Each structure stands twice: as C-alpha cells, then as structure tokens.
Amino acid sequence: MSNHLNYLKVVLLSELLLEANEDLKNSPQYKLGLKQQVSRTNMMLDRIVRSEYDSVYGVDPQMATNVLNKIDSLLNLIKSASIEDLIVIESIVKRYNKDKEKFRESEVVWFDKIN
C-alpha cells in the first residue's frame, strides 16, 4: 500500500502544479514564453494524475477518495490563508512532526463512508 500512498503524493503535487500554472495565465511572464511550456507540462501532468489516481482508486476507492478530500481541504486552507496564518500553520505542523503520537491521541479524524 505504501506505493499507492506515494502515488497519492504525486497526484497532490501534480494538482498543486496544475493550479499554480493556471494562476500564471494572467501574468506578463506567462505571455512571454511560459505559455507553450506550461501547456505541455499540464498535458503531461494530466496524464500522470489520471493514470496514478485510477491505480490508487482501483485498490481502495474509499481510502483514495477520503485522502484526496482531506488533501483538497488542506490545500484550500493553505491557498486562502494569510501570511500570518501560514506562519502559524507551519509551526503547528512542526510541533505535530516532533510528537505525532501526542497529536494522534488528542485529535479525531473522520473519514466518510463512500457508497
């Protein structure tokens, strides 16, 4: 299953890059030469994301759906956060990484049942 979790990371990072590329479309730099390269990169990432997601989803649809929903929720929090919030979030993640068991004992995480 660890390979499948690694594929989920690929999906996550690829989605971040796709979104970041979309944000560049209105910039002057995009029009000066990035457009063609971004387009090629997006097509390549789309293929990777689709095939890897299908692979992960085929093994455990419920886990894949729940993990991607949690990742999407986290990404939306990060995208909408202020600079001050990002500093606090980074601090919380560092504290979590130092003592994961403590956090896991006190926090509840809910996954949805997918029908």
N, C-alpha and C. Protein backbone atom coordinates (compact mmCIF):
# COMPACT_ATOMS: atom_id res chain seq x y z
N MET A 1 0.81 -1.20 0.00
CA MET A 1 0.00 0.00 0.00
C MET A 1 0.85 1.26 0.00
N SER A 2 2.12 1.18 0.44
CA SER A 2 2.94 2.39 0.50
C SER A 2 3.18 2.98 -0.88
N ASN A 3 3.31 2.14 -1.91
CA ASN A 3 3.44 2.67 -3.27
C ASN A 3 2.21 3.49 -3.65
N HIS A 4 1.05 3.02 -3.25
CA HIS A 4 -0.18 3.73 -3.57
C HIS A 4 -0.24 5.07 -2.84
N LEU A 5 0.26 5.11 -1.62
CA LEU A 5 0.30 6.39 -0.91
C LEU A 5 1.29 7.33 -1.58
N ASN A 6 2.38 6.79 -2.10
CA ASN A 6 3.33 7.62 -2.85
C ASN A 6 2.67 8.18 -4.11
N TYR A 7 1.84 7.36 -4.76
CA TYR A 7 1.12 7.85 -5.93
C TYR A 7 0.15 8.97 -5.55
N LEU A 8 -0.46 8.85 -4.37
CA LEU A 8 -1.33 9.94 -3.92
C LEU A 8 -0.54 11.23 -3.75
N LYS A 9 0.70 11.12 -3.26
CA LYS A 9 1.54 12.31 -3.16
C LYS A 9 1.81 12.90 -4.54
N VAL A 10 2.07 12.03 -5.52
CA VAL A 10 2.29 12.50 -6.89
C VAL A 10 1.05 13.24 -7.38
N VAL A 11 -0.11 12.67 -7.11
CA VAL A 11 -1.36 13.31 -7.52
C VAL A 11 -1.47 14.68 -6.87
N LEU A 12 -1.20 14.75 -5.58
CA LEU A 12 -1.28 16.01 -4.84
C LEU A 12 -0.34 17.05 -5.42
N LEU A 13 0.92 16.70 -5.57
CA LEU A 13 1.91 17.65 -6.07
C LEU A 13 1.60 18.07 -7.51
N SER A 14 1.13 17.13 -8.31
CA SER A 14 0.77 17.45 -9.68
C SER A 14 -0.41 18.41 -9.73
N GLU A 15 -1.38 18.19 -8.87
CA GLU A 15 -2.53 19.09 -8.81
C GLU A 15 -2.11 20.48 -8.38
N LEU A 16 -1.20 20.56 -7.41
CA LEU A 16 -0.69 21.87 -6.99
C LEU A 16 -0.01 22.59 -8.15
N LEU A 17 0.79 21.87 -8.91
CA LEU A 17 1.46 22.48 -10.04
C LEU A 17 0.46 22.91 -11.11
N LEU A 18 -0.53 22.09 -11.37
CA LEU A 18 -1.56 22.46 -12.34
C LEU A 18 -2.26 23.75 -11.92
N GLU A 19 -2.62 23.84 -10.65
CA GLU A 19 -3.29 25.05 -10.16
C GLU A 19 -2.36 26.26 -10.23
N ALA A 20 -1.10 26.06 -9.86
CA ALA A 20 -0.15 27.16 -9.92
C ALA A 20 0.04 27.63 -11.35
N ASN A 21 0.08 26.70 -12.29
CA ASN A 21 0.21 27.06 -13.70
C ASN A 21 -0.99 27.87 -14.17
N GLU A 22 -2.17 27.49 -13.73
CA GLU A 22 -3.38 28.24 -14.08
C GLU A 22 -3.31 29.67 -13.57
N ASP A 23 -2.74 29.86 -12.38
CA ASP A 23 -2.63 31.20 -11.80
C ASP A 23 -1.69 32.10 -12.60
N LEU A 24 -0.79 31.50 -13.38
CA LEU A 24 0.17 32.29 -14.16
C LEU A 24 -0.43 32.88 -15.43
N LYS A 25 -1.58 32.40 -15.85
CA LYS A 25 -2.11 32.78 -17.16
C LYS A 25 -2.28 34.28 -17.36
N ASN A 26 -2.50 35.03 -16.33
CA ASN A 26 -2.70 36.47 -16.49
C ASN A 26 -1.43 37.29 -16.27
N SER A 27 -0.31 36.62 -16.07
CA SER A 27 0.93 37.35 -15.80
C SER A 27 1.65 37.66 -17.11
N PRO A 28 2.41 38.77 -17.13
CA PRO A 28 3.18 39.11 -18.35
C PRO A 28 4.22 38.04 -18.68
N GLN A 29 4.82 37.42 -17.66
CA GLN A 29 5.83 36.39 -17.89
C GLN A 29 5.23 35.19 -18.62
N TYR A 30 3.99 34.88 -18.31
CA TYR A 30 3.31 33.75 -18.94
C TYR A 30 3.23 33.98 -20.44
N LYS A 31 2.88 35.19 -20.82
CA LYS A 31 2.70 35.51 -22.24
C LYS A 31 4.04 35.61 -22.97
N LEU A 32 5.13 35.81 -22.24
CA LEU A 32 6.44 35.98 -22.87
C LEU A 32 7.17 34.67 -23.15
N GLY A 33 6.58 33.55 -22.90
CA GLY A 33 7.27 32.31 -23.23
C GLY A 33 6.87 31.12 -22.40
N LEU A 34 6.22 31.34 -21.31
CA LEU A 34 5.83 30.21 -20.46
C LEU A 34 4.61 29.47 -21.01
N LYS A 35 3.82 30.15 -21.81
CA LYS A 35 2.54 29.58 -22.25
C LYS A 35 2.71 28.19 -22.88
N GLN A 36 3.61 28.06 -23.84
CA GLN A 36 3.80 26.79 -24.53
C GLN A 36 4.33 25.72 -23.57
N GLN A 37 5.32 26.08 -22.75
CA GLN A 37 5.88 25.10 -21.82
C GLN A 37 4.87 24.68 -20.77
N VAL A 38 4.11 25.63 -20.24
CA VAL A 38 3.08 25.31 -19.24
C VAL A 38 2.04 24.39 -19.85
N SER A 39 1.66 24.66 -21.08
CA SER A 39 0.67 23.83 -21.75
C SER A 39 1.16 22.38 -21.89
N ARG A 40 2.42 22.22 -22.32
CA ARG A 40 2.99 20.86 -22.43
C ARG A 40 3.08 20.18 -21.08
N THR A 41 3.53 20.92 -20.07
CA THR A 41 3.64 20.36 -18.72
C THR A 41 2.27 19.96 -18.18
N ASN A 42 1.27 20.80 -18.38
CA ASN A 42 -0.07 20.48 -17.92
C ASN A 42 -0.60 19.21 -18.57
N MET A 43 -0.37 19.05 -19.87
CA MET A 43 -0.85 17.84 -20.55
C MET A 43 -0.16 16.61 -19.98
N MET A 44 1.15 16.71 -19.73
CA MET A 44 1.89 15.59 -19.17
C MET A 44 1.38 15.27 -17.76
N LEU A 45 1.21 16.29 -16.93
CA LEU A 45 0.73 16.08 -15.57
C LEU A 45 -0.69 15.52 -15.55
N ASP A 46 -1.53 15.98 -16.45
CA ASP A 46 -2.89 15.45 -16.54
C ASP A 46 -2.88 13.94 -16.76
N ARG A 47 -2.00 13.49 -17.66
CA ARG A 47 -1.91 12.04 -17.93
C ARG A 47 -1.41 11.29 -16.70
N ILE A 48 -0.39 11.84 -16.03
CA ILE A 48 0.17 11.19 -14.84
C ILE A 48 -0.88 11.13 -13.75
N VAL A 49 -1.51 12.26 -13.48
CA VAL A 49 -2.50 12.33 -12.41
C VAL A 49 -3.62 11.33 -12.68
N ARG A 50 -4.12 11.32 -13.90
CA ARG A 50 -5.24 10.43 -14.23
C ARG A 50 -4.87 8.97 -14.05
N SER A 51 -3.71 8.56 -14.59
CA SER A 51 -3.35 7.14 -14.50
C SER A 51 -3.02 6.74 -13.07
N GLU A 52 -2.31 7.59 -12.34
CA GLU A 52 -1.95 7.24 -10.96
C GLU A 52 -3.18 7.24 -10.06
N TYR A 53 -4.05 8.21 -10.24
CA TYR A 53 -5.26 8.23 -9.43
C TYR A 53 -6.10 6.99 -9.70
N ASP A 54 -6.24 6.61 -10.97
CA ASP A 54 -7.01 5.41 -11.31
C ASP A 54 -6.40 4.18 -10.65
N SER A 55 -5.07 4.11 -10.61
CA SER A 55 -4.38 2.99 -9.98
C SER A 55 -4.68 2.93 -8.49
N VAL A 56 -4.56 4.06 -7.81
CA VAL A 56 -4.82 4.13 -6.37
C VAL A 56 -6.29 3.85 -6.09
N TYR A 57 -7.16 4.47 -6.85
CA TYR A 57 -8.59 4.32 -6.64
C TYR A 57 -9.02 2.87 -6.83
N GLY A 58 -8.39 2.18 -7.80
CA GLY A 58 -8.73 0.78 -8.06
C GLY A 58 -8.43 -0.13 -6.90
N VAL A 59 -7.40 0.17 -6.11
CA VAL A 59 -7.01 -0.65 -4.97
C VAL A 59 -7.95 -0.42 -3.79
N ASP A 60 -8.25 0.85 -3.48
CA ASP A 60 -9.09 1.17 -2.33
C ASP A 60 -9.82 2.49 -2.59
N PRO A 61 -11.00 2.41 -3.23
CA PRO A 61 -11.72 3.62 -3.60
C PRO A 61 -12.05 4.52 -2.40
N GLN A 62 -12.44 3.92 -1.30
CA GLN A 62 -12.82 4.71 -0.13
C GLN A 62 -11.62 5.46 0.45
N MET A 63 -10.49 4.78 0.58
CA MET A 63 -9.29 5.42 1.11
C MET A 63 -8.84 6.53 0.16
N ALA A 64 -8.81 6.24 -1.13
CA ALA A 64 -8.35 7.24 -2.10
C ALA A 64 -9.25 8.47 -2.07
N THR A 65 -10.53 8.28 -2.04
CA THR A 65 -11.48 9.40 -2.02
C THR A 65 -11.32 10.22 -0.75
N ASN A 66 -11.24 9.56 0.39
CA ASN A 66 -11.11 10.27 1.66
C ASN A 66 -9.79 11.03 1.77
N VAL A 67 -8.70 10.40 1.38
CA VAL A 67 -7.41 11.06 1.46
C VAL A 67 -7.39 12.27 0.53
N LEU A 68 -7.89 12.12 -0.68
CA LEU A 68 -7.90 13.25 -1.60
C LEU A 68 -8.82 14.36 -1.12
N ASN A 69 -9.94 14.01 -0.48
CA ASN A 69 -10.81 15.04 0.09
C ASN A 69 -10.10 15.80 1.21
N LYS A 70 -9.36 15.08 2.06
CA LYS A 70 -8.60 15.74 3.13
C LYS A 70 -7.51 16.64 2.55
N ILE A 71 -6.82 16.15 1.53
CA ILE A 71 -5.78 16.94 0.88
C ILE A 71 -6.38 18.19 0.25
N ASP A 72 -7.50 18.02 -0.43
CA ASP A 72 -8.18 19.16 -1.05
C ASP A 72 -8.57 20.20 -0.01
N SER A 73 -9.09 19.74 1.11
CA SER A 73 -9.48 20.64 2.19
C SER A 73 -8.26 21.40 2.72
N LEU A 74 -7.15 20.68 2.93
CA LEU A 74 -5.92 21.32 3.41
C LEU A 74 -5.39 22.33 2.40
N LEU A 75 -5.41 21.97 1.13
CA LEU A 75 -4.93 22.89 0.10
C LEU A 75 -5.78 24.15 0.05
N ASN A 76 -7.07 24.00 0.21
CA ASN A 76 -7.94 25.18 0.22
C ASN A 76 -7.65 26.07 1.42
N LEU A 77 -7.37 25.45 2.58
CA LEU A 77 -6.98 26.24 3.75
C LEU A 77 -5.68 27.00 3.49
N ILE A 78 -4.72 26.33 2.91
CA ILE A 78 -3.43 26.95 2.64
C ILE A 78 -3.57 28.07 1.61
N LYS A 79 -4.33 27.81 0.53
CA LYS A 79 -4.48 28.81 -0.51
C LYS A 79 -5.15 30.08 0.00
N SER A 80 -6.07 29.93 0.94
CA SER A 80 -6.82 31.10 1.40
C SER A 80 -6.21 31.74 2.66
N ALA A 81 -5.15 31.15 3.18
CA ALA A 81 -4.56 31.64 4.43
C ALA A 81 -3.75 32.91 4.19
N SER A 82 -3.75 33.76 5.20
CA SER A 82 -2.89 34.95 5.17
C SER A 82 -1.45 34.52 5.47
N ILE A 83 -0.53 35.43 5.28
CA ILE A 83 0.88 35.15 5.60
C ILE A 83 1.02 34.78 7.07
N GLU A 84 0.33 35.53 7.94
CA GLU A 84 0.38 35.25 9.38
C GLU A 84 -0.16 33.85 9.67
N ASP A 85 -1.26 33.49 9.02
CA ASP A 85 -1.83 32.16 9.22
C ASP A 85 -0.87 31.07 8.75
N LEU A 86 -0.20 31.29 7.64
CA LEU A 86 0.75 30.30 7.13
C LEU A 86 1.90 30.07 8.10
N ILE A 87 2.34 31.13 8.76
CA ILE A 87 3.40 31.00 9.76
C ILE A 87 2.92 30.14 10.93
N VAL A 88 1.69 30.37 11.38
CA VAL A 88 1.12 29.58 12.48
C VAL A 88 0.92 28.13 12.04
N ILE A 89 0.40 27.91 10.84
CA ILE A 89 0.18 26.55 10.32
C ILE A 89 1.49 25.79 10.26
N GLU A 90 2.54 26.46 9.78
CA GLU A 90 3.84 25.81 9.69
C GLU A 90 4.35 25.43 11.08
N SER A 91 4.11 26.28 12.05
CA SER A 91 4.52 26.00 13.43
C SER A 91 3.76 24.78 13.98
N ILE A 92 2.48 24.71 13.69
CA ILE A 92 1.67 23.58 14.16
C ILE A 92 2.16 22.28 13.52
N VAL A 93 2.46 22.33 12.24
CA VAL A 93 2.94 21.12 11.54
C VAL A 93 4.29 20.69 12.12
N LYS A 94 5.16 21.64 12.43
CA LYS A 94 6.44 21.28 13.05
C LYS A 94 6.22 20.60 14.40
N ARG A 95 5.31 21.16 15.22
CA ARG A 95 5.04 20.54 16.52
C ARG A 95 4.42 19.16 16.34
N TYR A 96 3.57 19.01 15.37
CA TYR A 96 2.98 17.70 15.07
C TYR A 96 4.09 16.70 14.71
N ASN A 97 5.01 17.11 13.85
CA ASN A 97 6.08 16.20 13.42
C ASN A 97 7.01 15.82 14.57
N LYS A 98 7.16 16.69 15.56
CA LYS A 98 8.03 16.38 16.71
C LYS A 98 7.40 15.34 17.63
N ASP A 99 6.06 15.34 17.74
CA ASP A 99 5.38 14.41 18.65
C ASP A 99 4.03 13.99 18.07
N LYS A 100 4.10 13.17 17.02
CA LYS A 100 2.89 12.74 16.31
C LYS A 100 1.94 11.98 17.21
N GLU A 101 2.48 11.14 18.07
CA GLU A 101 1.62 10.33 18.94
C GLU A 101 0.75 11.21 19.85
N LYS A 102 1.33 12.26 20.39
CA LYS A 102 0.58 13.18 21.25
C LYS A 102 -0.61 13.77 20.49
N PHE A 103 -0.36 14.23 19.26
CA PHE A 103 -1.44 14.79 18.46
C PHE A 103 -2.48 13.74 18.11
N ARG A 104 -2.02 12.55 17.76
CA ARG A 104 -2.95 11.49 17.36
C ARG A 104 -3.84 11.05 18.52
N GLU A 105 -3.34 11.15 19.74
CA GLU A 105 -4.14 10.80 20.91
C GLU A 105 -5.23 11.83 21.18
N SER A 106 -4.96 13.09 20.86
CA SER A 106 -5.90 14.14 21.22
C SER A 106 -6.79 14.60 20.07
N GLU A 107 -6.46 14.27 18.85
CA GLU A 107 -7.24 14.72 17.70
C GLU A 107 -8.03 13.57 17.10
N VAL A 108 -9.22 13.90 16.61
CA VAL A 108 -10.07 12.90 15.96
C VAL A 108 -10.15 13.25 14.47
N VAL A 109 -9.93 12.26 13.63
CA VAL A 109 -10.04 12.45 12.19
C VAL A 109 -11.16 11.57 11.68
N TRP A 110 -12.06 12.17 10.91
CA TRP A 110 -13.21 11.43 10.38
C TRP A 110 -13.05 11.21 8.90
N PHE A 111 -13.26 9.96 8.48
CA PHE A 111 -13.31 9.63 7.05
C PHE A 111 -14.76 9.31 6.74
N ASP A 112 -15.18 9.69 5.56
CA ASP A 112 -16.55 9.41 5.14
C ASP A 112 -16.63 8.04 4.51
N LYS A 113 -17.76 7.38 4.72
CA LYS A 113 -18.01 6.11 4.04
C LYS A 113 -18.49 6.44 2.64
N ILE A 114 -17.83 5.90 1.65
CA ILE A 114 -18.17 6.14 0.26
C ILE A 114 -19.03 4.99 -0.24
N ASN A 115 -20.18 5.32 -0.75
CA ASN A 115 -21.08 4.27 -1.27
C ASN A 115 -20.95 4.12 -2.76
